[in-house]
C-alpha atoms as a PDB file:
ATOM      1  CA  MET A   1      56.610 -45.615  -7.381  1.00  0.00           C
ATOM      2  CA  SER A   2      58.712 -44.758 -10.391  1.00  0.00           C
ATOM      3  CA  ALA A   3      59.610 -46.999 -13.296  1.00  0.00           C
ATOM      4  CA  ASP A   4      62.330 -45.492 -15.487  1.00  0.00           C
ATOM      5  CA  ARG A   5      64.298 -47.193 -18.209  1.00  0.00           C
ATOM      6  CA  ASP A   6      66.498 -46.245 -21.109  1.00  0.00           C
ATOM      7  CA  THR A   7      65.283 -47.111 -24.558  1.00  0.00           C
ATOM      8  CA  ALA A   8      67.306 -48.242 -27.547  1.00  0.00           C
ATOM      9  CA  ASP A   9      67.240 -44.807 -29.187  1.00  0.00           C
ATOM     10  CA  GLY A  10      68.731 -43.057 -26.155  1.00  0.00           C
ATOM     11  CA  THR A  11      65.531 -41.629 -24.722  1.00  0.00           C
ATOM     12  CA  ALA A  12      64.511 -42.172 -21.129  1.00  0.00           C
ATOM     13  CA  GLU A  13      60.935 -42.981 -20.353  1.00  0.00           C
ATOM     14  CA  SER A  14      59.140 -42.596 -17.059  1.00  0.00           C
ATOM     15  CA  LEU A  15      56.003 -44.672 -16.808  1.00  0.00           C
ATOM     16  CA  THR A  16      54.634 -43.346 -13.521  1.00  0.00           C
ATOM     17  CA  ALA A  17      55.778 -40.424 -11.416  1.00  0.00           C
ATOM     18  CA  ASP A  18      56.122 -40.604  -7.644  1.00  0.00           C
ATOM     19  CA  ASP A  19      52.891 -38.641  -7.231  1.00  0.00           C
ATOM     20  CA  GLY A  20      50.985 -41.260  -9.264  1.00  0.00           C
ATOM     21  CA  THR A  21      50.641 -39.268 -12.469  1.00  0.00           C
ATOM     22  CA  ALA A  22      52.008 -40.381 -15.806  1.00  0.00           C
ATOM     23  CA  GLU A  23      54.860 -38.384 -17.297  1.00  0.00           C
ATOM     24  CA  SER A  24      55.820 -37.678 -20.862  1.00  0.00           C
ATOM     25  CA  LEU A  25      58.800 -39.333 -22.458  1.00  0.00           C
ATOM     26  CA  THR A  26      61.902 -37.140 -22.576  1.00  0.00           C
ATOM     27  CA  ALA A  27      64.879 -37.189 -24.907  1.00  0.00           C
ATOM     28  CA  ASP A  28      68.502 -36.818 -23.782  1.00  0.00           C
ATOM     29  CA  ASP A  29      68.360 -33.048 -24.310  1.00  0.00           C
ATOM     30  CA  GLY A  30      65.331 -32.782 -21.998  1.00  0.00           C
ATOM     31  CA  ALA A  31      62.841 -32.021 -24.752  1.00  0.00           C
ATOM     32  CA  ALA A  32      59.476 -33.657 -24.374  1.00  0.00           C
ATOM     33  CA  VAL A  33      58.753 -36.558 -26.665  1.00  0.00           C
ATOM     34  CA  ALA A  34      55.143 -37.373 -27.546  1.00  0.00           C
ATOM     35  CA  ASP A  35      52.923 -38.878 -24.866  1.00  0.00           C
ATOM     36  CA  ARG A  36      52.435 -42.598 -25.119  1.00  0.00           C
ATOM     37  CA  PHE A  37      48.759 -42.373 -26.179  1.00  0.00           C
ATOM     38  CA  ASP A  38      46.925 -39.760 -28.269  1.00  0.00           C
ATOM     39  CA  ARG A  39      43.719 -41.722 -28.917  1.00  0.00           C
ATOM     40  CA  VAL A  40      42.249 -44.333 -26.590  1.00  0.00           C
ATOM     41  CA  LEU A  41      39.423 -46.463 -27.964  1.00  0.00           C
ATOM     42  CA  VAL A  42      37.060 -47.619 -25.214  1.00  0.00           C
ATOM     43  CA  VAL A  43      34.615 -50.354 -26.150  1.00  0.00           C
ATOM     44  CA  THR A  44      31.480 -49.789 -24.085  1.00  0.00           C
ATOM     45  CA  ARG A  45      29.175 -52.545 -22.937  1.00  0.00           C
ATOM     46  CA  ASP A  46      26.352 -52.821 -20.430  1.00  0.00           C
ATOM     47  CA  ASP A  47      27.941 -54.638 -17.505  1.00  0.00           C
ATOM     48  CA  GLU A  48      30.486 -54.097 -14.724  1.00  0.00           C
ATOM     49  CA  ALA A  49      33.401 -54.985 -16.993  1.00  0.00           C
ATOM     50  CA  GLY A  50      32.233 -52.385 -19.513  1.00  0.00           C
ATOM     51  CA  GLN A  51      32.022 -49.766 -16.776  1.00  0.00           C
ATOM     52  CA  ALA A  52      35.540 -50.689 -15.641  1.00  0.00           C
ATOM     53  CA  ALA A  53      36.772 -50.324 -19.230  1.00  0.00           C
ATOM     54  CA  VAL A  54      35.318 -46.801 -19.415  1.00  0.00           C
ATOM     55  CA  GLU A  55      36.848 -45.836 -16.068  1.00  0.00           C
ATOM     56  CA  THR A  56      40.251 -47.220 -17.007  1.00  0.00           C
ATOM     57  CA  GLY A  57      40.236 -45.726 -20.500  1.00  0.00           C
ATOM     58  CA  VAL A  58      39.289 -42.254 -19.265  1.00  0.00           C
ATOM     59  CA  GLU A  59      41.907 -42.377 -16.487  1.00  0.00           C
ATOM     60  CA  LEU A  60      44.613 -43.400 -18.965  1.00  0.00           C
ATOM     61  CA  ALA A  61      43.547 -40.670 -21.372  1.00  0.00           C
ATOM     62  CA  ALA A  62      43.663 -38.094 -18.587  1.00  0.00           C
ATOM     63  CA  ALA A  63      47.153 -39.198 -17.589  1.00  0.00           C
ATOM     64  CA  HIS A  64      48.433 -38.970 -21.173  1.00  0.00           C
ATOM     65  CA  GLY A  65      46.470 -35.986 -22.434  1.00  0.00           C
ATOM     66  CA  ALA A  66      44.674 -38.245 -24.912  1.00  0.00           C
ATOM     67  CA  THR A  67      41.249 -38.196 -26.506  1.00  0.00           C
ATOM     68  CA  VAL A  68      38.818 -41.047 -25.851  1.00  0.00           C
ATOM     69  CA  ASP A  69      36.707 -42.640 -28.552  1.00  0.00           C
ATOM     70  CA  ALA A  70      33.747 -44.265 -26.764  1.00  0.00           C
ATOM     71  CA  LEU A  71      32.420 -46.913 -29.131  1.00  0.00           C
ATOM     72  CA  PHE A  72      29.277 -48.958 -28.851  1.00  0.00           C
ATOM     73  CA  VAL A  73      28.659 -51.645 -31.443  1.00  0.00           C
ATOM     74  CA  VAL A  74      25.078 -52.680 -32.055  1.00  0.00           C
ATOM     75  CA  ASP A  75      25.339 -56.389 -32.785  1.00  0.00           C
ATOM     76  CA  THR A  76      23.132 -56.975 -35.791  1.00  0.00           C
ATOM     77  CA  ALA A  77      23.375 -60.781 -35.667  1.00  0.00           C
ATOM     78  CA  VAL A  78      19.811 -60.789 -34.375  1.00  0.00           C
ATOM     79  CA  GLY A  79      17.855 -58.955 -37.039  1.00  0.00           C
ATOM     80  CA  TRP A  80      14.757 -58.185 -35.011  1.00  0.00           C
ATOM     81  CA  ASP A  81      14.003 -54.484 -35.013  1.00  0.00           C
ATOM     82  CA  VAL A  82      12.883 -54.482 -31.377  1.00  0.00           C
ATOM     83  CA  VAL A  83      16.188 -55.978 -30.221  1.00  0.00           C
ATOM     84  CA  VAL A  84      18.262 -53.589 -32.339  1.00  0.00           C
ATOM     85  CA  GLU A  85      16.289 -50.589 -31.055  1.00  0.00           C
ATOM     86  CA  ARG A  86      16.812 -51.705 -27.456  1.00  0.00           C
ATOM     87  CA  ARG A  87      20.546 -52.079 -28.095  1.00  0.00           C
ATOM     88  CA  GLU A  88      20.656 -48.611 -29.667  1.00  0.00           C
ATOM     89  CA  ARG A  89      19.064 -47.061 -26.559  1.00  0.00           C
ATOM     90  CA  THR A  90      21.497 -48.934 -24.327  1.00  0.00           C
ATOM     91  CA  GLY A  91      24.411 -47.790 -26.472  1.00  0.00           C
ATOM     92  CA  GLU A  92      23.285 -44.155 -26.330  1.00  0.00           C
ATOM     93  CA  ARG A  93      23.146 -44.336 -22.545  1.00  0.00           C
ATOM     94  CA  LEU A  94      26.601 -45.937 -22.344  1.00  0.00           C
ATOM     95  CA  VAL A  95      28.439 -43.512 -24.630  1.00  0.00           C
ATOM     96  CA  GLU A  96      26.729 -40.573 -22.894  1.00  0.00           C
ATOM     97  CA  GLY A  97      27.943 -41.973 -19.572  1.00  0.00           C
ATOM     98  CA  ALA A  98      31.472 -42.216 -20.940  1.00  0.00           C
ATOM     99  CA  ALA A  99      31.269 -38.601 -22.134  1.00  0.00           C
ATOM    100  CA  GLU A 100      30.085 -37.484 -18.690  1.00  0.00           C
ATOM    101  CA  ARG A 101      32.945 -39.384 -17.039  1.00  0.00           C
ATOM    102  CA  GLY A 102      35.383 -37.736 -19.443  1.00  0.00           C
ATOM    103  CA  ALA A 103      33.959 -34.261 -18.800  1.00  0.00           C
ATOM    104  CA  ALA A 104      34.350 -34.810 -15.052  1.00  0.00           C
ATOM    105  CA  THR A 105      38.073 -35.516 -15.520  1.00  0.00           C
ATOM    106  CA  GLY A 106      38.749 -32.999 -18.299  1.00  0.00           C
ATOM    107  CA  VAL A 107      39.089 -35.564 -21.086  1.00  0.00           C
ATOM    108  CA  ASP A 108      37.592 -35.071 -24.550  1.00  0.00           C
ATOM    109  CA  VAL A 109      35.316 -38.005 -25.367  1.00  0.00           C
ATOM    110  CA  GLU A 110      33.959 -38.593 -28.845  1.00  0.00           C
ATOM    111  CA  LYS A 111      30.854 -40.777 -29.025  1.00  0.00           C
ATOM    112  CA  TRP A 112      30.557 -43.398 -31.758  1.00  0.00           C
ATOM    113  CA  PHE A 113      28.121 -46.076 -32.905  1.00  0.00           C
ATOM    114  CA  ARG A 114      28.731 -48.897 -35.306  1.00  0.00           C
ATOM    115  CA  TYR A 115      26.441 -51.644 -36.550  1.00  0.00           C
ATOM    116  CA  GLY A 116      27.636 -55.156 -37.315  1.00  0.00           C
ATOM    117  CA  THR A 117      29.785 -57.869 -35.783  1.00  0.00           C
ATOM    118  CA  PRO A 118      31.321 -56.326 -32.638  1.00  0.00           C
ATOM    119  CA  HIS A 119      34.943 -57.492 -32.875  1.00  0.00           C
ATOM    120  CA  GLU A 120      35.147 -56.692 -36.596  1.00  0.00           C
ATOM    121  CA  GLU A 121      33.710 -53.217 -36.061  1.00  0.00           C
ATOM    122  CA  VAL A 122      36.108 -52.535 -33.167  1.00  0.00           C
ATOM    123  CA  LEU A 123      39.124 -53.572 -35.232  1.00  0.00           C
ATOM    124  CA  ASP A 124      37.977 -51.576 -38.273  1.00  0.00           C
ATOM    125  CA  PHE A 125      37.296 -48.513 -36.129  1.00  0.00           C
ATOM    126  CA  ALA A 126      40.675 -48.723 -34.390  1.00  0.00           C
ATOM    127  CA  ALA A 127      42.471 -48.885 -37.736  1.00  0.00           C
ATOM    128  CA  ALA A 128      40.420 -46.107 -39.353  1.00  0.00           C
ATOM    129  CA  HIS A 129      40.823 -43.714 -36.413  1.00  0.00           C
ATOM    130  CA  ASP A 130      44.471 -44.462 -35.548  1.00  0.00           C
ATOM    131  CA  ALA A 131      43.742 -45.678 -32.022  1.00  0.00           C
ATOM    132  CA  ASP A 132      46.881 -46.013 -29.883  1.00  0.00           C
ATOM    133  CA  LEU A 133      45.201 -48.304 -27.340  1.00  0.00           C
ATOM    134  CA  ILE A 134      42.007 -50.343 -27.240  1.00  0.00           C
ATOM    135  CA  VAL A 135      40.389 -50.829 -23.828  1.00  0.00           C
ATOM    136  CA  VAL A 136      37.763 -53.564 -23.637  1.00  0.00           C
ATOM    137  CA  GLY A 137      36.000 -55.164 -20.684  1.00  0.00           C
ATOM    138  CA  SER A 138      35.883 -58.864 -19.908  1.00  0.00           C
ATOM    139  CA  ALA A 139      33.987 -60.740 -17.221  1.00  0.00           C
ATOM    140  CA  ARG A 140      37.061 -62.972 -16.732  1.00  0.00           C
ATOM    141  CA  ARG A 141      35.193 -66.193 -16.587  1.00  0.00           C
ATOM    142  CA  SER A 142      36.997 -69.367 -15.667  1.00  0.00           C
ATOM    143  CA  GLY A 143      36.426 -73.082 -15.654  1.00  0.00           C
ATOM    144  CA  LEU A 144      33.361 -74.535 -17.300  1.00  0.00           C
ATOM    145  CA  ASP A 145      31.622 -71.145 -17.536  1.00  0.00           C
ATOM    146  CA  ARG A 146      34.386 -69.977 -19.896  1.00  0.00           C
ATOM    147  CA  PHE A 147      33.510 -72.762 -22.332  1.00  0.00           C
ATOM    148  CA  VAL A 148      29.737 -72.542 -21.948  1.00  0.00           C
ATOM    149  CA  ASN A 149      29.585 -68.717 -22.247  1.00  0.00           C
ATOM    150  CA  PRO A 150      32.658 -67.591 -24.186  1.00  0.00           C
ATOM    151  CA  GLU A 151      33.340 -63.892 -24.582  1.00  0.00           C
ATOM    152  CA  ARG A 152      34.247 -63.527 -28.190  1.00  0.00           C
ATOM    153  CA  VAL A 153      34.817 -59.779 -28.411  1.00  0.00           C
ATOM    154  CA  PRO A 154      37.822 -59.350 -26.061  1.00  0.00           C
ATOM    155  CA  ILE A 155      39.556 -62.472 -27.370  1.00  0.00           C
ATOM    156  CA  ARG A 156      38.995 -61.676 -31.030  1.00  0.00           C
ATOM    157  CA  VAL A 157      40.000 -58.047 -30.571  1.00  0.00           C
ATOM    158  CA  GLN A 158      43.225 -59.147 -28.880  1.00  0.00           C
ATOM    159  CA  ARG A 159      44.022 -61.591 -31.657  1.00  0.00           C
ATOM    160  CA  GLY A 160      43.185 -59.263 -34.526  1.00  0.00           C
ATOM    161  CA  ALA A 161      44.421 -55.885 -33.321  1.00  0.00           C
ATOM    162  CA  SER A 162      47.543 -54.225 -34.622  1.00  0.00           C
ATOM    163  CA  THR A 163      47.524 -51.819 -31.657  1.00  0.00           C
ATOM    164  CA  PRO A 164      47.861 -52.691 -27.953  1.00  0.00           C
ATOM    165  CA  VAL A 165      44.730 -54.040 -26.270  1.00  0.00           C
ATOM    166  CA  MET A 166      44.012 -53.689 -22.553  1.00  0.00           C
ATOM    167  CA  VAL A 167      41.438 -56.151 -21.248  1.00  0.00           C
ATOM    168  CA  VAL A 168      39.876 -54.895 -18.018  1.00  0.00           C
ATOM    169  CA  GLY A 169      37.890 -57.009 -15.582  1.00  0.00           C
ATOM    170  CA  PRO A 170      34.968 -55.853 -13.467  1.00  0.00           C
ATOM    171  CA  ASP A 171      37.342 -55.184 -10.570  1.00  0.00           C
ATOM    172  CA  GLY A 172      39.123 -52.587 -12.742  1.00  0.00           C
ATOM    173  CA  GLY A 173      42.285 -54.605 -13.242  1.00  0.00           C
END
């Protein structure tokens, strides 16, 4: 499947090649224009949606020749040392897993930790590191469960981000 279109500045962009790989943008003279993404920020979390976000972010980075920033935010809202330490260990495991996934596909993955309110830290990190895309997982709850157990991070990141945000569900889409 190929999706080509002309842009306002006279360049043609090809989103996906027939062989399933992403192509670079090209100008009228055939010279390559920059890939769509240079830095992909993947917000890691310990559930299926977080795993899907890592998979999707690494695949996109591989297709665009981008670097992945795997970020885990230790939510410090609960100030108990035991809880924070447990979250740190979980975060280490998750960013290491993202780095291993990146190494398997030839993508550079930088591992990052932040402490604080998750959506604020994600937005601050994206701005400070010039992220071109933020990939975050969401359980995609519906109905009453959405109101009883709201997911604040994906929604607040979407609302506050100045860069594109891709919300990925546990089914990878």
